[in-house]
Amino acid sequence: MMAELESLAQSARVGHLRSARTTLFIVGVLTLLVNGFMFVNASAEVDAEINKQIQAAGPGAVVNQVEMAEFKAQAVNQVRLIYGGAAALGLAFILLGFFIYAAPVPIVVTGLVLYIAGNGIFALLDPASLGRGIVMKAIVIILMAKAVQAAIAYQKETASAKNKAGQDLEVLDEAD
């Protein structure tokens, strides 16, 4: 009876790890796709912002085209660096999802830390981004926090099972 309960508890932990894996995959794919699109669209985004600034300057504003072209090139590079880094973060989430069963605790904790750090960096760049999608961000953090708990329990249970199997082998060796 006790073995059945332990097996049931371990199945629940595996389910939590599967949920964490799915969360990592979903966050990774969405992050990669959105930021990949933004990376490709960086030039248009910079153009739109430059046009807003020119319009805000008024109808008599004189724009040095050479300086504007240099500014635009630098701005596009900076924006692409930001979106490229965020896309790489999405790829990291996907890779973590693939390897979650190899080292559950470090991988889930790494995923959680990367998620929080990524949101923190974007909040520094654009404070309004912290409030956008706050419910979804909270859900991801809660799911990942629960996955950390499950990963710790899963890893302890797995280590305990290995130790028990090792003790059983020692008993068999002594019997010979």
C-alpha atoms as a PDB file:
ATOM      1  CA  MET A   1       0.000   0.000   0.000  1.00  0.00           C
ATOM      2  CA  MET A   2       2.799   2.430   0.908  1.00  0.00           C
ATOM      3  CA  ALA A   3       4.593   1.721  -2.379  1.00  0.00           C
ATOM      4  CA  GLU A   4       1.397   2.545  -4.280  1.00  0.00           C
ATOM      5  CA  LEU A   5       1.097   5.904  -2.485  1.00  0.00           C
ATOM      6  CA  GLU A   6       4.752   6.700  -3.195  1.00  0.00           C
ATOM      7  CA  SER A   7       4.220   5.786  -6.840  1.00  0.00           C
ATOM      8  CA  LEU A   8       1.106   7.959  -6.985  1.00  0.00           C
ATOM      9  CA  ALA A   9       2.975  10.892  -5.433  1.00  0.00           C
ATOM     10  CA  GLN A  10       5.859  10.413  -7.871  1.00  0.00           C
ATOM     11  CA  SER A  11       3.358  10.364 -10.779  1.00  0.00           C
ATOM     12  CA  ALA A  12       1.949  13.677  -9.565  1.00  0.00           C
ATOM     13  CA  ARG A  13       5.468  15.138  -9.428  1.00  0.00           C
ATOM     14  CA  VAL A  14       6.155  13.933 -12.963  1.00  0.00           C
ATOM     15  CA  GLY A  15       2.897  15.647 -13.970  1.00  0.00           C
ATOM     16  CA  HIS A  16       4.146  18.904 -12.441  1.00  0.00           C
ATOM     17  CA  LEU A  17       7.432  18.540 -14.314  1.00  0.00           C
ATOM     18  CA  ARG A  18       5.484  17.915 -17.515  1.00  0.00           C
ATOM     19  CA  SER A  19       3.495  21.074 -16.784  1.00  0.00           C
ATOM     20  CA  ALA A  20       6.742  22.986 -16.220  1.00  0.00           C
ATOM     21  CA  ARG A  21       8.101  21.600 -19.480  1.00  0.00           C
ATOM     22  CA  THR A  22       4.972  22.701 -21.317  1.00  0.00           C
ATOM     23  CA  THR A  23       5.184  26.135 -19.671  1.00  0.00           C
ATOM     24  CA  LEU A  24       8.827  26.478 -20.736  1.00  0.00           C
ATOM     25  CA  PHE A  25       7.944  25.444 -24.287  1.00  0.00           C
ATOM     26  CA  ILE A  26       4.990  27.846 -24.546  1.00  0.00           C
ATOM     27  CA  VAL A  27       6.903  30.780 -23.035  1.00  0.00           C
ATOM     28  CA  GLY A  28       9.893  29.949 -25.227  1.00  0.00           C
ATOM     29  CA  VAL A  29       7.984  29.660 -28.480  1.00  0.00           C
ATOM     30  CA  LEU A  30       5.940  32.814 -27.839  1.00  0.00           C
ATOM     31  CA  THR A  31       9.036  34.772 -26.804  1.00  0.00           C
ATOM     32  CA  LEU A  32      10.950  33.558 -29.842  1.00  0.00           C
ATOM     33  CA  LEU A  33       8.121  34.293 -32.295  1.00  0.00           C
ATOM     34  CA  VAL A  34       7.150  37.714 -30.939  1.00  0.00           C
ATOM     35  CA  ASN A  35      10.711  38.950 -30.629  1.00  0.00           C
ATOM     36  CA  GLY A  36      11.702  37.393 -33.944  1.00  0.00           C
ATOM     37  CA  PHE A  37       8.906  39.382 -35.591  1.00  0.00           C
ATOM     38  CA  MET A  38       9.937  42.532 -33.732  1.00  0.00           C
ATOM     39  CA  PHE A  39      13.560  41.964 -34.816  1.00  0.00           C
ATOM     40  CA  VAL A  40      12.489  41.802 -38.462  1.00  0.00           C
ATOM     41  CA  ASN A  41      10.198  44.822 -37.986  1.00  0.00           C
ATOM     42  CA  ALA A  42      12.822  46.943 -36.151  1.00  0.00           C
ATOM     43  CA  SER A  43      13.437  49.309 -39.076  1.00  0.00           C
ATOM     44  CA  ALA A  44       9.729  50.106 -39.438  1.00  0.00           C
ATOM     45  CA  GLU A  45       9.436  50.631 -35.664  1.00  0.00           C
ATOM     46  CA  VAL A  46      12.354  53.089 -35.670  1.00  0.00           C
ATOM     47  CA  ASP A  47      10.941  54.883 -38.753  1.00  0.00           C
ATOM     48  CA  ALA A  48       7.582  55.315 -37.019  1.00  0.00           C
ATOM     49  CA  GLU A  49       9.230  56.768 -33.911  1.00  0.00           C
ATOM     50  CA  ILE A  50      11.395  59.146 -35.979  1.00  0.00           C
ATOM     51  CA  ASN A  51       8.329  60.314 -37.911  1.00  0.00           C
ATOM     52  CA  LYS A  52       6.504  60.993 -34.618  1.00  0.00           C
ATOM     53  CA  GLN A  53       9.415  63.094 -33.400  1.00  0.00           C
ATOM     54  CA  ILE A  54       9.565  65.042 -36.676  1.00  0.00           C
ATOM     55  CA  GLN A  55       5.816  65.735 -36.536  1.00  0.00           C
ATOM     56  CA  ALA A  56       6.100  66.796 -32.896  1.00  0.00           C
ATOM     57  CA  ALA A  57       8.824  69.277 -33.880  1.00  0.00           C
ATOM     58  CA  GLY A  58       6.323  71.154 -36.034  1.00  0.00           C
ATOM     59  CA  PRO A  59       5.966  72.101 -39.693  1.00  0.00           C
ATOM     60  CA  GLY A  60       9.036  74.369 -39.818  1.00  0.00           C
ATOM     61  CA  ALA A  61      11.471  71.810 -38.406  1.00  0.00           C
ATOM     62  CA  VAL A  62      14.609  71.213 -40.434  1.00  0.00           C
ATOM     63  CA  VAL A  63      15.982  67.689 -40.433  1.00  0.00           C
ATOM     64  CA  ASN A  64      19.561  66.916 -41.385  1.00  0.00           C
ATOM     65  CA  GLN A  65      19.064  63.831 -43.557  1.00  0.00           C
ATOM     66  CA  VAL A  66      22.639  62.562 -43.126  1.00  0.00           C
ATOM     67  CA  GLU A  67      22.464  62.732 -39.326  1.00  0.00           C
ATOM     68  CA  MET A  68      19.008  61.192 -39.365  1.00  0.00           C
ATOM     69  CA  ALA A  69      20.224  58.277 -41.497  1.00  0.00           C
ATOM     70  CA  GLU A  70      23.139  57.684 -39.090  1.00  0.00           C
ATOM     71  CA  PHE A  71      20.824  57.930 -36.090  1.00  0.00           C
ATOM     72  CA  LYS A  72      18.363  55.532 -37.697  1.00  0.00           C
ATOM     73  CA  ALA A  73      21.088  52.971 -38.438  1.00  0.00           C
ATOM     74  CA  GLN A  74      22.295  53.084 -34.834  1.00  0.00           C
ATOM     75  CA  ALA A  75      18.766  52.919 -33.447  1.00  0.00           C
ATOM     76  CA  VAL A  76      17.845  49.944 -35.648  1.00  0.00           C
ATOM     77  CA  ASN A  77      20.986  48.117 -34.487  1.00  0.00           C
ATOM     78  CA  GLN A  78      20.173  48.788 -30.825  1.00  0.00           C
ATOM     79  CA  VAL A  79      16.559  47.727 -31.213  1.00  0.00           C
ATOM     80  CA  ARG A  80      17.621  44.547 -33.028  1.00  0.00           C
ATOM     81  CA  LEU A  81      20.109  43.796 -30.263  1.00  0.00           C
ATOM     82  CA  ILE A  82      17.316  43.999 -27.694  1.00  0.00           C
ATOM     83  CA  TYR A  83      14.872  41.888 -29.708  1.00  0.00           C
ATOM     84  CA  GLY A  84      17.584  39.438 -30.728  1.00  0.00           C
ATOM     85  CA  GLY A  85      18.548  38.965 -27.088  1.00  0.00           C
ATOM     86  CA  ALA A  86      14.918  38.380 -26.148  1.00  0.00           C
ATOM     87  CA  ALA A  87      14.547  35.866 -28.998  1.00  0.00           C
ATOM     88  CA  ALA A  88      17.652  34.070 -27.711  1.00  0.00           C
ATOM     89  CA  LEU A  89      15.993  33.985 -24.284  1.00  0.00           C
ATOM     90  CA  GLY A  90      12.998  32.279 -25.921  1.00  0.00           C
ATOM     91  CA  LEU A  91      15.343  29.696 -27.420  1.00  0.00           C
ATOM     92  CA  ALA A  92      16.874  29.166 -23.956  1.00  0.00           C
ATOM     93  CA  PHE A  93      13.403  28.414 -22.522  1.00  0.00           C
ATOM     94  CA  ILE A  94      12.812  25.848 -25.266  1.00  0.00           C
ATOM     95  CA  LEU A  95      16.172  24.168 -24.609  1.00  0.00           C
ATOM     96  CA  LEU A  96      15.484  24.093 -20.868  1.00  0.00           C
ATOM     97  CA  GLY A  97      12.173  22.383 -21.617  1.00  0.00           C
ATOM     98  CA  PHE A  98      13.943  19.645 -23.573  1.00  0.00           C
ATOM     99  CA  PHE A  99      16.370  18.904 -20.736  1.00  0.00           C
ATOM    100  CA  ILE A 100      14.059  19.268 -17.730  1.00  0.00           C
ATOM    101  CA  TYR A 101      14.178  15.576 -16.788  1.00  0.00           C
ATOM    102  CA  ALA A 102      18.004  15.499 -16.825  1.00  0.00           C
ATOM    103  CA  ALA A 103      18.326  17.929 -13.902  1.00  0.00           C
ATOM    104  CA  PRO A 104      14.861  19.065 -12.819  1.00  0.00           C
ATOM    105  CA  VAL A 105      15.732  21.467  -9.998  1.00  0.00           C
ATOM    106  CA  PRO A 106      18.522  23.450 -11.699  1.00  0.00           C
ATOM    107  CA  ILE A 107      16.606  23.643 -14.960  1.00  0.00           C
ATOM    108  CA  VAL A 108      13.309  24.780 -13.462  1.00  0.00           C
ATOM    109  CA  VAL A 109      15.066  27.289 -11.192  1.00  0.00           C
ATOM    110  CA  THR A 110      17.085  28.574 -14.161  1.00  0.00           C
ATOM    111  CA  GLY A 111      13.883  28.964 -16.179  1.00  0.00           C
ATOM    112  CA  LEU A 112      12.206  30.869 -13.363  1.00  0.00           C
ATOM    113  CA  VAL A 113      15.231  33.135 -12.818  1.00  0.00           C
ATOM    114  CA  LEU A 114      15.563  33.832 -16.557  1.00  0.00           C
ATOM    115  CA  TYR A 115      11.848  34.634 -16.809  1.00  0.00           C
ATOM    116  CA  ILE A 116      11.931  37.054 -13.876  1.00  0.00           C
ATOM    117  CA  ALA A 117      15.230  38.604 -15.020  1.00  0.00           C
ATOM    118  CA  GLY A 118      13.955  39.026 -18.580  1.00  0.00           C
ATOM    119  CA  ASN A 119      10.848  40.800 -17.347  1.00  0.00           C
ATOM    120  CA  GLY A 120      12.989  42.922 -15.029  1.00  0.00           C
ATOM    121  CA  ILE A 121      15.259  43.999 -17.884  1.00  0.00           C
ATOM    122  CA  PHE A 122      12.283  44.920 -20.054  1.00  0.00           C
ATOM    123  CA  ALA A 123      10.812  46.844 -17.116  1.00  0.00           C
ATOM    124  CA  LEU A 124      14.036  48.865 -16.916  1.00  0.00           C
ATOM    125  CA  LEU A 125      13.883  49.583 -20.654  1.00  0.00           C
ATOM    126  CA  ASP A 126      10.156  50.326 -20.622  1.00  0.00           C
ATOM    127  CA  PRO A 127       8.536  50.560 -17.163  1.00  0.00           C
ATOM    128  CA  ALA A 128       5.050  50.278 -18.696  1.00  0.00           C
ATOM    129  CA  SER A 129       5.926  46.764 -19.908  1.00  0.00           C
ATOM    130  CA  LEU A 130       5.779  45.508 -16.327  1.00  0.00           C
ATOM    131  CA  GLY A 131       2.017  46.079 -16.211  1.00  0.00           C
ATOM    132  CA  ARG A 132       1.300  44.626 -19.656  1.00  0.00           C
ATOM    133  CA  GLY A 133       0.231  41.024 -19.404  1.00  0.00           C
ATOM    134  CA  ILE A 134       0.572  41.050 -15.622  1.00  0.00           C
ATOM    135  CA  VAL A 135      -1.953  38.235 -15.161  1.00  0.00           C
ATOM    136  CA  MET A 136      -0.115  36.007 -17.646  1.00  0.00           C
ATOM    137  CA  LYS A 137       3.221  36.846 -16.024  1.00  0.00           C
ATOM    138  CA  ALA A 138       1.819  35.952 -12.602  1.00  0.00           C
ATOM    139  CA  ILE A 139       0.452  32.649 -13.914  1.00  0.00           C
ATOM    140  CA  VAL A 140       3.816  31.710 -15.434  1.00  0.00           C
ATOM    141  CA  ILE A 141       5.648  32.590 -12.207  1.00  0.00           C
ATOM    142  CA  ILE A 142       3.177  30.589 -10.091  1.00  0.00           C
ATOM    143  CA  LEU A 143       3.423  27.580 -12.430  1.00  0.00           C
ATOM    144  CA  MET A 144       7.206  27.736 -12.366  1.00  0.00           C
ATOM    145  CA  ALA A 145       7.307  28.141  -8.567  1.00  0.00           C
ATOM    146  CA  LYS A 146       5.093  25.051  -8.192  1.00  0.00           C
ATOM    147  CA  ALA A 147       7.345  23.251 -10.651  1.00  0.00           C
ATOM    148  CA  VAL A 148      10.378  24.094  -8.474  1.00  0.00           C
ATOM    149  CA  GLN A 149       8.637  22.440  -5.520  1.00  0.00           C
ATOM    150  CA  ALA A 150       7.736  19.414  -7.628  1.00  0.00           C
ATOM    151  CA  ALA A 151      11.258  19.188  -9.045  1.00  0.00           C
ATOM    152  CA  ILE A 152      12.774  19.185  -5.555  1.00  0.00           C
ATOM    153  CA  ALA A 153      10.396  16.440  -4.426  1.00  0.00           C
ATOM    154  CA  TYR A 154      10.941  14.493  -7.670  1.00  0.00           C
ATOM    155  CA  GLN A 155      14.706  14.683  -7.329  1.00  0.00           C
ATOM    156  CA  LYS A 156      14.570  13.580  -3.650  1.00  0.00           C
ATOM    157  CA  GLU A 157      12.273  10.682  -4.523  1.00  0.00           C
ATOM    158  CA  THR A 158      14.486   9.624  -7.423  1.00  0.00           C
ATOM    159  CA  ALA A 159      17.604   9.754  -5.210  1.00  0.00           C
ATOM    160  CA  SER A 160      15.790   7.811  -2.485  1.00  0.00           C
ATOM    161  CA  ALA A 161      14.722   5.143  -4.982  1.00  0.00           C
ATOM    162  CA  LYS A 162      18.306   4.846  -6.254  1.00  0.00           C
ATOM    163  CA  ASN A 163      19.631   4.525  -2.707  1.00  0.00           C
ATOM    164  CA  LYS A 164      17.021   1.877  -1.886  1.00  0.00           C
ATOM    165  CA  ALA A 165      17.878  -0.037  -5.062  1.00  0.00           C
ATOM    166  CA  GLY A 166      21.567   0.190  -4.121  1.00  0.00           C
ATOM    167  CA  GLN A 167      20.849  -1.139  -0.610  1.00  0.00           C
ATOM    168  CA  ASP A 168      18.834  -4.007  -2.078  1.00  0.00           C
ATOM    169  CA  LEU A 169      21.808  -4.908  -4.291  1.00  0.00           C
ATOM    170  CA  GLU A 170      24.136  -4.826  -1.253  1.00  0.00           C
ATOM    171  CA  VAL A 171      21.834  -7.234   0.599  1.00  0.00           C
ATOM    172  CA  LEU A 172      21.920  -9.590  -2.414  1.00  0.00           C
ATOM    173  CA  ASP A 173      25.717  -9.369  -2.572  1.00  0.00           C
ATOM    174  CA  GLU A 174      25.997 -10.253   1.141  1.00  0.00           C
ATOM    175  CA  ALA A 175      23.707 -13.244   0.633  1.00  0.00           C
ATOM    176  CA  ASP A 176      26.060 -14.699  -1.984  1.00  0.00           C
END
